[in-house]
Amino acid sequence: MRDLRLLPKVHLHTHLESAIRPATIRELGGEPPARDRPFTGFGKFAEQRATVRALLRDYQHFRRIAVEFCQDEAAEGVRYAEVTFTAAAHGERVDDLTMPLEAVLDGFAVGARRYGVEVRVILDHSRRRSVERLWRTLELATRYPQVVAIGLAGDESYPARPFAEVFPAARDAGLHLVHHAGETAGPESIWEALTVGHADRIGHGIRVLEDPALVTELRKRRIPLEVCPSSNVLLGLVSSLPQHPLPSLVEAGLTITLNTDGETSLTAEYQRAREVFGYSDADLGNLARTSVEASFAPAELKARIGAEIDQWLSS
């Protein structure tokens, strides 16, 4: 079996605030979240992550976590990542709308030079928050070419329809749309992400198999799902990794990418797929290649990473 750390990877679903190093959280005065036991519900998970986000107070904090993210991803064989970041919420909290995002982009530029990892940003917006904040998120996104998409996240019991006017405006501005759906809510949230949210990709989407018509629609349109097995277990949405629907999603002919949600390393997630689901190196290479194709990376970068995956498989 080949070394999975050396498998060239693309990481499409990870939250910057969830990927902060435990040592950094402690230095900033906080307590790292537990990663070894399930949460009692999404609310408890969100509450704990909000406590971590509140530790980020100045430019150097935001820049630091971005640089460290690049170093950590490079060590896992990641060549390109699209990182979710809640820029407008941070901006409101520190009373400077642009500073958090500009600091993070500065850190990613430093990380690219030092560690060779290209990072682009997806700006997310909690479904529980105002439509006005999503408009501010869109305005922020249009200022920086490093931002490739915006999308809804958070408690999926809150509908996407109130934000319907923002999504066509984002597409007109040249941005992609990536929404969390089918994680804590059922297939109806995925349908809404497609019809109202004009989604180019779906964050999670693990409940799609409950609706055969939706499976057919996603397969026909080749809408990628960003699947994060370990995170689903940590949040108590799936009882255990052996019970996770990842193999069934793949067998259904859906476009599946493997990700972490910021709750583990990407190499560890691939290793668990090998050990728990019996995936061969060819299977894992296909998952890696699907992530490349599902990304918003430039064509030449996709081709280069794809060639590196071929080299890994032939080694």
C-alpha atoms as a PDB file:
ATOM      1  CA  MET A   1       0.000   0.000   0.000  1.00  0.00           C
ATOM      2  CA  ARG A   2       1.260   3.447  -0.936  1.00  0.00           C
ATOM      3  CA  ASP A   3       1.931   6.214   1.560  1.00  0.00           C
ATOM      4  CA  LEU A   4      -1.291   8.247   1.727  1.00  0.00           C
ATOM      5  CA  ARG A   5       0.531  11.296   3.019  1.00  0.00           C
ATOM      6  CA  LEU A   6       2.268  11.436  -0.363  1.00  0.00           C
ATOM      7  CA  LEU A   7      -0.995  11.193  -2.320  1.00  0.00           C
ATOM      8  CA  PRO A   8      -1.487  14.633  -3.943  1.00  0.00           C
ATOM      9  CA  LYS A   9      -4.766  15.985  -2.610  1.00  0.00           C
ATOM     10  CA  VAL A  10      -7.285  18.771  -3.034  1.00  0.00           C
ATOM     11  CA  HIS A  11      -9.265  19.817   0.033  1.00  0.00           C
ATOM     12  CA  LEU A  12     -12.694  21.302  -0.686  1.00  0.00           C
ATOM     13  CA  HIS A  13     -14.588  21.311   2.606  1.00  0.00           C
ATOM     14  CA  THR A  14     -12.769  22.611   5.656  1.00  0.00           C
ATOM     15  CA  HIS A  15     -13.513  25.570   7.911  1.00  0.00           C
ATOM     16  CA  LEU A  16     -10.503  27.697   8.760  1.00  0.00           C
ATOM     17  CA  GLU A  17     -11.738  28.345  12.285  1.00  0.00           C
ATOM     18  CA  SER A  18     -12.208  24.601  12.895  1.00  0.00           C
ATOM     19  CA  ALA A  19      -8.711  23.798  11.625  1.00  0.00           C
ATOM     20  CA  ILE A  20      -6.848  26.003  14.118  1.00  0.00           C
ATOM     21  CA  ARG A  21      -4.053  24.127  15.880  1.00  0.00           C
ATOM     22  CA  PRO A  22      -4.834  23.143  19.490  1.00  0.00           C
ATOM     23  CA  ALA A  23      -1.555  24.754  20.602  1.00  0.00           C
ATOM     24  CA  THR A  24      -2.565  28.025  18.941  1.00  0.00           C
ATOM     25  CA  ILE A  25      -5.980  27.952  20.631  1.00  0.00           C
ATOM     26  CA  ARG A  26      -4.263  27.545  23.987  1.00  0.00           C
ATOM     27  CA  GLU A  27      -1.835  30.395  23.270  1.00  0.00           C
ATOM     28  CA  LEU A  28      -4.808  32.613  22.438  1.00  0.00           C
ATOM     29  CA  GLY A  29      -6.377  31.779  25.805  1.00  0.00           C
ATOM     30  CA  GLY A  30      -8.850  29.082  24.860  1.00  0.00           C
ATOM     31  CA  GLU A  31      -9.432  25.372  25.290  1.00  0.00           C
ATOM     32  CA  PRO A  32      -9.248  23.199  22.161  1.00  0.00           C
ATOM     33  CA  PRO A  33     -12.500  21.442  21.193  1.00  0.00           C
ATOM     34  CA  ALA A  34     -12.723  17.739  21.895  1.00  0.00           C
ATOM     35  CA  ARG A  35     -12.303  15.614  18.787  1.00  0.00           C
ATOM     36  CA  ASP A  36     -12.661  12.174  20.348  1.00  0.00           C
ATOM     37  CA  ARG A  37     -16.348  12.076  21.344  1.00  0.00           C
ATOM     38  CA  PRO A  38     -19.604  12.965  19.590  1.00  0.00           C
ATOM     39  CA  PHE A  39     -21.467  16.168  20.343  1.00  0.00           C
ATOM     40  CA  THR A  40     -25.000  15.924  21.736  1.00  0.00           C
ATOM     41  CA  GLY A  41     -26.312  18.004  18.854  1.00  0.00           C
ATOM     42  CA  PHE A  42     -25.435  20.575  16.218  1.00  0.00           C
ATOM     43  CA  GLY A  43     -26.184  23.395  18.675  1.00  0.00           C
ATOM     44  CA  LYS A  44     -23.479  22.243  21.086  1.00  0.00           C
ATOM     45  CA  PHE A  45     -21.030  21.922  18.205  1.00  0.00           C
ATOM     46  CA  ALA A  46     -21.797  25.457  16.972  1.00  0.00           C
ATOM     47  CA  GLU A  47     -21.522  26.850  20.488  1.00  0.00           C
ATOM     48  CA  GLN A  48     -18.072  25.379  21.026  1.00  0.00           C
ATOM     49  CA  ARG A  49     -16.819  26.607  17.646  1.00  0.00           C
ATOM     50  CA  ALA A  50     -18.147  30.112  18.404  1.00  0.00           C
ATOM     51  CA  THR A  51     -16.016  30.129  21.557  1.00  0.00           C
ATOM     52  CA  VAL A  52     -12.931  29.402  19.458  1.00  0.00           C
ATOM     53  CA  ARG A  53     -13.781  32.057  16.862  1.00  0.00           C
ATOM     54  CA  ALA A  54     -14.076  34.675  19.602  1.00  0.00           C
ATOM     55  CA  LEU A  55     -10.370  34.203  20.381  1.00  0.00           C
ATOM     56  CA  LEU A  56      -9.421  35.793  17.041  1.00  0.00           C
ATOM     57  CA  ARG A  57      -9.156  39.498  17.772  1.00  0.00           C
ATOM     58  CA  ASP A  58      -6.498  41.186  15.635  1.00  0.00           C
ATOM     59  CA  TYR A  59      -4.733  41.080  12.264  1.00  0.00           C
ATOM     60  CA  GLN A  60      -1.884  38.889  13.470  1.00  0.00           C
ATOM     61  CA  HIS A  61      -4.281  36.282  14.884  1.00  0.00           C
ATOM     62  CA  PHE A  62      -6.072  35.868  11.563  1.00  0.00           C
ATOM     63  CA  ARG A  63      -2.847  35.935   9.565  1.00  0.00           C
ATOM     64  CA  ARG A  64      -1.238  33.370  11.855  1.00  0.00           C
ATOM     65  CA  ILE A  65      -3.987  30.762  11.536  1.00  0.00           C
ATOM     66  CA  ALA A  66      -3.865  31.089   7.748  1.00  0.00           C
ATOM     67  CA  VAL A  67      -0.100  30.542   7.577  1.00  0.00           C
ATOM     68  CA  GLU A  68      -0.320  27.590   9.969  1.00  0.00           C
ATOM     69  CA  PHE A  69      -3.159  26.104   7.940  1.00  0.00           C
ATOM     70  CA  CYS A  70      -0.943  26.100   4.839  1.00  0.00           C
ATOM     71  CA  GLN A  71       1.918  24.444   6.711  1.00  0.00           C
ATOM     72  CA  ASP A  72      -0.376  21.746   8.103  1.00  0.00           C
ATOM     73  CA  GLU A  73      -2.047  21.068   4.748  1.00  0.00           C
ATOM     74  CA  ALA A  74       1.313  20.815   2.967  1.00  0.00           C
ATOM     75  CA  ALA A  75       2.368  18.168   5.474  1.00  0.00           C
ATOM     76  CA  GLU A  76      -0.710  16.152   4.452  1.00  0.00           C
ATOM     77  CA  GLY A  77       0.057  16.249   0.737  1.00  0.00           C
ATOM     78  CA  VAL A  78      -2.528  18.908  -0.067  1.00  0.00           C
ATOM     79  CA  ARG A  79      -1.669  20.890  -3.180  1.00  0.00           C
ATOM     80  CA  TYR A  80      -4.773  23.080  -3.362  1.00  0.00           C
ATOM     81  CA  ALA A  81      -7.540  23.945  -0.886  1.00  0.00           C
ATOM     82  CA  GLU A  82     -10.763  25.900  -0.883  1.00  0.00           C
ATOM     83  CA  VAL A  83     -11.255  27.047   2.685  1.00  0.00           C
ATOM     84  CA  THR A  84     -14.523  28.223   4.186  1.00  0.00           C
ATOM     85  CA  PHE A  85     -14.276  31.391   6.274  1.00  0.00           C
ATOM     86  CA  THR A  86     -17.008  33.447   7.965  1.00  0.00           C
ATOM     87  CA  ALA A  87     -15.512  36.829   7.107  1.00  0.00           C
ATOM     88  CA  ALA A  88     -18.492  39.150   7.589  1.00  0.00           C
ATOM     89  CA  ALA A  89     -19.322  37.773  11.030  1.00  0.00           C
ATOM     90  CA  HIS A  90     -15.718  38.268  12.153  1.00  0.00           C
ATOM     91  CA  GLY A  91     -15.702  41.742  10.631  1.00  0.00           C
ATOM     92  CA  GLU A  92     -18.808  42.765  12.547  1.00  0.00           C
ATOM     93  CA  ARG A  93     -17.404  41.320  15.771  1.00  0.00           C
ATOM     94  CA  VAL A  94     -14.089  43.231  15.559  1.00  0.00           C
ATOM     95  CA  ASP A  95     -15.739  46.334  14.063  1.00  0.00           C
ATOM     96  CA  ASP A  96     -13.691  46.175  10.865  1.00  0.00           C
ATOM     97  CA  LEU A  97     -15.430  44.456   7.979  1.00  0.00           C
ATOM     98  CA  THR A  98     -12.367  43.912   5.785  1.00  0.00           C
ATOM     99  CA  MET A  99      -9.546  43.256   8.278  1.00  0.00           C
ATOM    100  CA  PRO A 100     -10.180  39.556   9.041  1.00  0.00           C
ATOM    101  CA  LEU A 101     -10.390  38.569   5.384  1.00  0.00           C
ATOM    102  CA  GLU A 102      -7.414  40.693   4.346  1.00  0.00           C
ATOM    103  CA  ALA A 103      -5.318  39.199   7.161  1.00  0.00           C
ATOM    104  CA  VAL A 104      -6.299  35.668   6.166  1.00  0.00           C
ATOM    105  CA  LEU A 105      -5.496  36.319   2.507  1.00  0.00           C
ATOM    106  CA  ASP A 106      -2.129  37.752   3.551  1.00  0.00           C
ATOM    107  CA  GLY A 107      -1.465  34.583   5.529  1.00  0.00           C
ATOM    108  CA  PHE A 108      -2.432  32.358   2.602  1.00  0.00           C
ATOM    109  CA  ALA A 109      -0.058  34.285   0.330  1.00  0.00           C
ATOM    110  CA  VAL A 110       2.764  33.729   2.814  1.00  0.00           C
ATOM    111  CA  GLY A 111       1.789  30.067   3.116  1.00  0.00           C
ATOM    112  CA  ALA A 112       1.811  29.590  -0.645  1.00  0.00           C
ATOM    113  CA  ARG A 113       5.361  30.965  -0.877  1.00  0.00           C
ATOM    114  CA  ARG A 114       6.676  28.959   2.079  1.00  0.00           C
ATOM    115  CA  TYR A 115       4.843  25.667   1.674  1.00  0.00           C
ATOM    116  CA  GLY A 116       3.621  25.472  -1.913  1.00  0.00           C
ATOM    117  CA  VAL A 117      -0.095  25.158  -1.122  1.00  0.00           C
ATOM    118  CA  GLU A 118      -2.517  27.229  -3.201  1.00  0.00           C
ATOM    119  CA  VAL A 119      -5.564  28.332  -1.187  1.00  0.00           C
ATOM    120  CA  ARG A 120      -8.771  30.001  -2.300  1.00  0.00           C
ATOM    121  CA  VAL A 121     -11.633  31.100  -0.050  1.00  0.00           C
ATOM    122  CA  ILE A 122     -15.343  30.376   0.221  1.00  0.00           C
ATOM    123  CA  LEU A 123     -17.201  32.940   2.335  1.00  0.00           C
ATOM    124  CA  ASP A 124     -20.030  31.313   4.248  1.00  0.00           C
ATOM    125  CA  HIS A 125     -23.065  32.792   5.935  1.00  0.00           C
ATOM    126  CA  SER A 126     -25.161  31.324   8.731  1.00  0.00           C
ATOM    127  CA  ARG A 127     -28.732  30.596   7.683  1.00  0.00           C
ATOM    128  CA  ARG A 128     -29.818  32.062  11.044  1.00  0.00           C
ATOM    129  CA  ARG A 129     -28.362  35.478  10.265  1.00  0.00           C
ATOM    130  CA  SER A 130     -29.753  38.364   8.281  1.00  0.00           C
ATOM    131  CA  VAL A 131     -30.101  38.732   4.545  1.00  0.00           C
ATOM    132  CA  GLU A 132     -28.260  42.045   4.904  1.00  0.00           C
ATOM    133  CA  ARG A 133     -25.178  40.252   6.206  1.00  0.00           C
ATOM    134  CA  LEU A 134     -25.154  37.935   3.196  1.00  0.00           C
ATOM    135  CA  TRP A 135     -25.268  41.006   0.929  1.00  0.00           C
ATOM    136  CA  ARG A 136     -22.248  42.333   2.859  1.00  0.00           C
ATOM    137  CA  THR A 137     -20.561  38.953   2.385  1.00  0.00           C
ATOM    138  CA  LEU A 138     -21.169  39.167  -1.349  1.00  0.00           C
ATOM    139  CA  GLU A 139     -19.786  42.700  -1.479  1.00  0.00           C
ATOM    140  CA  LEU A 140     -16.679  41.531   0.384  1.00  0.00           C
ATOM    141  CA  ALA A 141     -16.256  38.578  -1.949  1.00  0.00           C
ATOM    142  CA  THR A 142     -16.279  40.755  -5.053  1.00  0.00           C
ATOM    143  CA  ARG A 143     -13.315  42.796  -3.758  1.00  0.00           C
ATOM    144  CA  TYR A 144     -10.832  39.926  -3.704  1.00  0.00           C
ATOM    145  CA  PRO A 145     -10.073  37.543  -6.582  1.00  0.00           C
ATOM    146  CA  GLN A 146      -8.910  34.918  -4.083  1.00  0.00           C
ATOM    147  CA  VAL A 147     -12.561  34.447  -3.059  1.00  0.00           C
ATOM    148  CA  VAL A 148     -14.125  31.912  -5.415  1.00  0.00           C
ATOM    149  CA  ALA A 149     -17.552  31.285  -3.861  1.00  0.00           C
ATOM    150  CA  ILE A 150     -20.100  32.191  -1.216  1.00  0.00           C
ATOM    151  CA  GLY A 151     -22.705  29.981   0.407  1.00  0.00           C
ATOM    152  CA  LEU A 152     -25.021  29.151   3.265  1.00  0.00           C
ATOM    153  CA  ALA A 153     -23.937  27.162   6.319  1.00  0.00           C
ATOM    154  CA  GLY A 154     -25.196  26.500   9.817  1.00  0.00           C
ATOM    155  CA  ASP A 155     -28.495  25.080  11.031  1.00  0.00           C
ATOM    156  CA  GLU A 156     -30.226  23.649   7.957  1.00  0.00           C
ATOM    157  CA  SER A 157     -33.669  23.880   9.563  1.00  0.00           C
ATOM    158  CA  TYR A 158     -33.510  27.543   8.501  1.00  0.00           C
ATOM    159  CA  PRO A 159     -34.530  27.858   4.829  1.00  0.00           C
ATOM    160  CA  ALA A 160     -32.485  29.262   1.971  1.00  0.00           C
ATOM    161  CA  ARG A 161     -35.420  31.051   0.327  1.00  0.00           C
ATOM    162  CA  PRO A 162     -35.070  34.361   2.246  1.00  0.00           C
ATOM    163  CA  PHE A 163     -31.657  34.767   0.559  1.00  0.00           C
ATOM    164  CA  ALA A 164     -32.916  33.965  -2.943  1.00  0.00           C
ATOM    165  CA  GLU A 165     -32.119  37.367  -4.474  1.00  0.00           C
ATOM    166  CA  VAL A 166     -28.474  37.229  -3.401  1.00  0.00           C
ATOM    167  CA  PHE A 167     -27.584  34.072  -5.315  1.00  0.00           C
ATOM    168  CA  PRO A 168     -28.187  35.313  -8.888  1.00  0.00           C
ATOM    169  CA  ALA A 169     -26.261  38.465  -7.992  1.00  0.00           C
ATOM    170  CA  ALA A 170     -23.342  36.313  -6.878  1.00  0.00           C
ATOM    171  CA  ARG A 171     -23.394  34.347 -10.128  1.00  0.00           C
ATOM    172  CA  ASP A 172     -23.516  37.585 -12.118  1.00  0.00           C
ATOM    173  CA  ALA A 173     -20.421  38.706 -10.179  1.00  0.00           C
ATOM    174  CA  GLY A 174     -18.573  35.587 -11.330  1.00  0.00           C
ATOM    175  CA  LEU A 175     -18.739  33.726  -8.012  1.00  0.00           C
ATOM    176  CA  HIS A 176     -19.629  30.087  -7.447  1.00  0.00           C
ATOM    177  CA  LEU A 177     -22.242  28.952  -4.937  1.00  0.00           C
ATOM    178  CA  VAL A 178     -21.560  26.212  -2.381  1.00  0.00           C
ATOM    179  CA  HIS A 179     -24.175  25.487   0.297  1.00  0.00           C
ATOM    180  CA  HIS A 180     -24.249  23.150   3.274  1.00  0.00           C
ATOM    181  CA  ALA A 181     -27.277  20.887   2.853  1.00  0.00           C
ATOM    182  CA  GLY A 182     -28.386  17.328   3.529  1.00  0.00           C
ATOM    183  CA  GLU A 183     -26.302  17.147   6.696  1.00  0.00           C
ATOM    184  CA  THR A 184     -28.578  18.024   9.636  1.00  0.00           C
ATOM    185  CA  ALA A 185     -31.663  18.314   7.405  1.00  0.00           C
ATOM    186  CA  GLY A 186     -33.063  15.941   4.815  1.00  0.00           C
ATOM    187  CA  PRO A 187     -33.187  15.863   1.005  1.00  0.00           C
ATOM    188  CA  GLU A 188     -35.484  18.883   0.899  1.00  0.00           C
ATOM    189  CA  SER A 189     -32.551  21.067   1.962  1.00  0.00           C
ATOM    190  CA  ILE A 190     -30.512  19.762  -0.980  1.00  0.00           C
ATOM    191  CA  TRP A 191     -33.369  20.422  -3.404  1.00  0.00           C
ATOM    192  CA  GLU A 192     -33.551  23.981  -2.069  1.00  0.00           C
ATOM    193  CA  ALA A 193     -29.783  24.422  -2.409  1.00  0.00           C
ATOM    194  CA  LEU A 194     -30.165  23.460  -6.075  1.00  0.00           C
ATOM    195  CA  THR A 195     -33.351  25.292  -7.013  1.00  0.00           C
ATOM    196  CA  VAL A 196     -33.134  28.406  -4.842  1.00  0.00           C
ATOM    197  CA  GLY A 197     -29.408  28.452  -4.133  1.00  0.00           C
ATOM    198  CA  HIS A 198     -28.153  27.529  -7.647  1.00  0.00           C
ATOM    199  CA  ALA A 199     -25.479  25.356  -5.990  1.00  0.00           C
ATOM    200  CA  ASP A 200     -22.361  24.343  -7.906  1.00  0.00           C
ATOM    201  CA  ARG A 201     -21.429  21.960  -5.076  1.00  0.00           C
ATOM    202  CA  ILE A 202     -23.147  20.663  -1.957  1.00  0.00           C
ATOM    203  CA  GLY A 203     -21.439  20.690   1.429  1.00  0.00           C
ATOM    204  CA  HIS A 204     -22.060  17.254   2.953  1.00  0.00           C
ATOM    205  CA  GLY A 205     -25.257  16.037   1.232  1.00  0.00           C
ATOM    206  CA  ILE A 206     -25.120  12.673   2.995  1.00  0.00           C
ATOM    207  CA  ARG A 207     -28.920  12.339   3.209  1.00  0.00           C
ATOM    208  CA  VAL A 208     -29.412  12.393  -0.553  1.00  0.00           C
ATOM    209  CA  LEU A 209     -30.029   8.639  -0.658  1.00  0.00           C
ATOM    210  CA  GLU A 210     -33.376   9.175   1.082  1.00  0.00           C
ATOM    211  CA  ASP A 211     -34.753  10.560  -2.203  1.00  0.00           C
ATOM    212  CA  PRO A 212     -34.118   8.511  -5.373  1.00  0.00           C
ATOM    213  CA  ALA A 213     -35.287  11.387  -7.595  1.00  0.00           C
ATOM    214  CA  LEU A 214     -32.680  13.642  -6.008  1.00  0.00           C
ATOM    215  CA  VAL A 215     -29.981  11.024  -6.563  1.00  0.00           C
ATOM    216  CA  THR A 216     -30.936  10.954 -10.236  1.00  0.00           C
ATOM    217  CA  GLU A 217     -30.874  14.762 -10.458  1.00  0.00           C
ATOM    218  CA  LEU A 218     -27.477  15.133  -8.808  1.00  0.00           C
ATOM    219  CA  ARG A 219     -26.038  12.326 -10.903  1.00  0.00           C
ATOM    220  CA  LYS A 220     -27.398  13.840 -14.116  1.00  0.00           C
ATOM    221  CA  ARG A 221     -26.033  17.280 -13.299  1.00  0.00           C
ATOM    222  CA  ARG A 222     -22.809  15.913 -11.794  1.00  0.00           C
ATOM    223  CA  ILE A 223     -23.125  18.159  -8.738  1.00  0.00           C
ATOM    224  CA  PRO A 224     -20.261  17.188  -6.401  1.00  0.00           C
ATOM    225  CA  LEU A 225     -20.883  16.344  -2.753  1.00  0.00           C
ATOM    226  CA  GLU A 226     -18.259  17.345  -0.179  1.00  0.00           C
ATOM    227  CA  VAL A 227     -18.413  14.347   2.152  1.00  0.00           C
ATOM    228  CA  CYS A 228     -16.797  14.535   5.611  1.00  0.00           C
ATOM    229  CA  PRO A 229     -17.232  11.147   7.338  1.00  0.00           C
ATOM    230  CA  SER A 230     -15.342  11.780  10.583  1.00  0.00           C
ATOM    231  CA  SER A 231     -17.147  15.070  11.135  1.00  0.00           C
ATOM    232  CA  ASN A 232     -20.531  13.397  10.588  1.00  0.00           C
ATOM    233  CA  VAL A 233     -19.693  10.891  13.321  1.00  0.00           C
ATOM    234  CA  LEU A 234     -18.345  13.602  15.656  1.00  0.00           C
ATOM    235  CA  LEU A 235     -21.610  15.552  15.323  1.00  0.00           C
ATOM    236  CA  GLY A 236     -23.606  12.410  16.060  1.00  0.00           C
ATOM    237  CA  LEU A 237     -25.245  12.434  12.622  1.00  0.00           C
ATOM    238  CA  VAL A 238     -23.909   8.953  11.843  1.00  0.00           C
ATOM    239  CA  SER A 239     -23.480   6.381  14.606  1.00  0.00           C
ATOM    240  CA  SER A 240     -20.028   5.163  13.518  1.00  0.00           C
ATOM    241  CA  LEU A 241     -17.676   5.187  10.552  1.00  0.00           C
ATOM    242  CA  PRO A 242     -18.644   1.652   9.457  1.00  0.00           C
ATOM    243  CA  GLN A 243     -22.254   2.917   9.247  1.00  0.00           C
ATOM    244  CA  HIS A 244     -21.342   5.953   7.146  1.00  0.00           C
ATOM    245  CA  PRO A 245     -23.027   6.123   3.706  1.00  0.00           C
ATOM    246  CA  LEU A 246     -19.839   7.062   1.812  1.00  0.00           C
ATOM    247  CA  PRO A 247     -19.597   3.717  -0.040  1.00  0.00           C
ATOM    248  CA  SER A 248     -23.300   3.831  -0.930  1.00  0.00           C
ATOM    249  CA  LEU A 249     -22.935   7.374  -2.258  1.00  0.00           C
ATOM    250  CA  VAL A 250     -20.045   6.272  -4.472  1.00  0.00           C
ATOM    251  CA  GLU A 251     -21.922   3.155  -5.633  1.00  0.00           C
ATOM    252  CA  ALA A 252     -24.926   5.324  -6.557  1.00  0.00           C
ATOM    253  CA  GLY A 253     -22.769   7.004  -9.190  1.00  0.00           C
ATOM    254  CA  LEU A 254     -22.672  10.367  -7.432  1.00  0.00           C
ATOM    255  CA  THR A 255     -19.714  12.740  -7.677  1.00  0.00           C
ATOM    256  CA  ILE A 256     -18.077  12.291  -4.280  1.00  0.00           C
ATOM    257  CA  THR A 257     -15.151  14.189  -2.790  1.00  0.00           C
ATOM    258  CA  LEU A 258     -13.513  13.304   0.539  1.00  0.00           C
ATOM    259  CA  ASN A 259     -12.946  16.078   3.078  1.00  0.00           C
ATOM    260  CA  THR A 260     -12.519  16.802   6.785  1.00  0.00           C
ATOM    261  CA  ASP A 261     -14.759  19.750   7.788  1.00  0.00           C
ATOM    262  CA  GLY A 262     -11.701  20.833   9.798  1.00  0.00           C
ATOM    263  CA  GLU A 263     -12.171  18.007  12.320  1.00  0.00           C
ATOM    264  CA  THR A 264      -9.203  15.780  11.356  1.00  0.00           C
ATOM    265  CA  SER A 265      -6.352  15.674   8.837  1.00  0.00           C
ATOM    266  CA  LEU A 266      -7.068  14.819   5.212  1.00  0.00           C
ATOM    267  CA  THR A 267      -4.518  11.993   5.257  1.00  0.00           C
ATOM    268  CA  ALA A 268      -6.291  10.498   8.281  1.00  0.00           C
ATOM    269  CA  GLU A 269      -9.616  10.686   6.442  1.00  0.00           C
ATOM    270  CA  TYR A 270      -8.162   8.824   3.451  1.00  0.00           C
ATOM    271  CA  GLN A 271      -6.566   6.305   5.825  1.00  0.00           C
ATOM    272  CA  ARG A 272      -9.943   5.639   7.460  1.00  0.00           C
ATOM    273  CA  ALA A 273     -11.504   5.123   4.030  1.00  0.00           C
ATOM    274  CA  ARG A 274      -8.813   2.526   3.343  1.00  0.00           C
ATOM    275  CA  GLU A 275      -9.200   0.750   6.665  1.00  0.00           C
ATOM    276  CA  VAL A 276     -12.959   0.998   7.274  1.00  0.00           C
ATOM    277  CA  PHE A 277     -14.319   0.700   3.733  1.00  0.00           C
ATOM    278  CA  GLY A 278     -11.553  -1.429   2.229  1.00  0.00           C
ATOM    279  CA  TYR A 279     -10.741   1.118  -0.473  1.00  0.00           C
ATOM    280  CA  SER A 280      -7.780   0.278  -2.677  1.00  0.00           C
ATOM    281  CA  ASP A 281      -5.129   2.762  -3.723  1.00  0.00           C
ATOM    282  CA  ALA A 282      -6.920   3.027  -7.073  1.00  0.00           C
ATOM    283  CA  ASP A 283     -10.184   3.858  -5.256  1.00  0.00           C
ATOM    284  CA  LEU A 284      -8.449   6.494  -3.152  1.00  0.00           C
ATOM    285  CA  GLY A 285      -6.718   7.916  -6.219  1.00  0.00           C
ATOM    286  CA  ASN A 286     -10.116   8.237  -7.879  1.00  0.00           C
ATOM    287  CA  LEU A 287     -11.489  10.122  -4.873  1.00  0.00           C
ATOM    288  CA  ALA A 288      -8.487  12.453  -5.013  1.00  0.00           C
ATOM    289  CA  ARG A 289      -8.944  12.969  -8.755  1.00  0.00           C
ATOM    290  CA  THR A 290     -12.655  13.716  -8.302  1.00  0.00           C
ATOM    291  CA  SER A 291     -11.769  16.425  -5.792  1.00  0.00           C
ATOM    292  CA  VAL A 292      -9.408  17.979  -8.322  1.00  0.00           C
ATOM    293  CA  GLU A 293     -12.100  18.061 -11.006  1.00  0.00           C
ATOM    294  CA  ALA A 294     -14.767  19.347  -8.593  1.00  0.00           C
ATOM    295  CA  SER A 295     -12.582  22.262  -7.486  1.00  0.00           C
ATOM    296  CA  PHE A 296     -12.639  25.805  -8.821  1.00  0.00           C
ATOM    297  CA  ALA A 297      -8.895  25.714  -9.474  1.00  0.00           C
ATOM    298  CA  PRO A 298      -7.481  26.914 -12.814  1.00  0.00           C
ATOM    299  CA  ALA A 299      -7.316  24.262 -15.542  1.00  0.00           C
ATOM    300  CA  GLU A 300      -3.525  24.175 -15.598  1.00  0.00           C
ATOM    301  CA  LEU A 301      -3.347  23.537 -11.839  1.00  0.00           C
ATOM    302  CA  LYS A 302      -5.946  20.769 -12.136  1.00  0.00           C
ATOM    303  CA  ALA A 303      -3.901  19.141 -14.884  1.00  0.00           C
ATOM    304  CA  ARG A 304      -0.710  19.311 -12.834  1.00  0.00           C
ATOM    305  CA  ILE A 305      -2.256  17.784  -9.712  1.00  0.00           C
ATOM    306  CA  GLY A 306      -3.964  15.117 -11.803  1.00  0.00           C
ATOM    307  CA  ALA A 307      -0.599  14.148 -13.302  1.00  0.00           C
ATOM    308  CA  GLU A 308       0.882  13.942  -9.793  1.00  0.00           C
ATOM    309  CA  ILE A 309      -1.914  11.579  -8.740  1.00  0.00           C
ATOM    310  CA  ASP A 310      -1.127   9.390 -11.758  1.00  0.00           C
ATOM    311  CA  GLN A 311       2.522   9.344 -10.698  1.00  0.00           C
ATOM    312  CA  TRP A 312       1.557   8.316  -7.157  1.00  0.00           C
ATOM    313  CA  LEU A 313      -0.523   5.432  -8.518  1.00  0.00           C
ATOM    314  CA  SER A 314       2.286   4.273 -10.809  1.00  0.00           C
ATOM    315  CA  SER A 315       4.957   4.461  -8.118  1.00  0.00           C
END
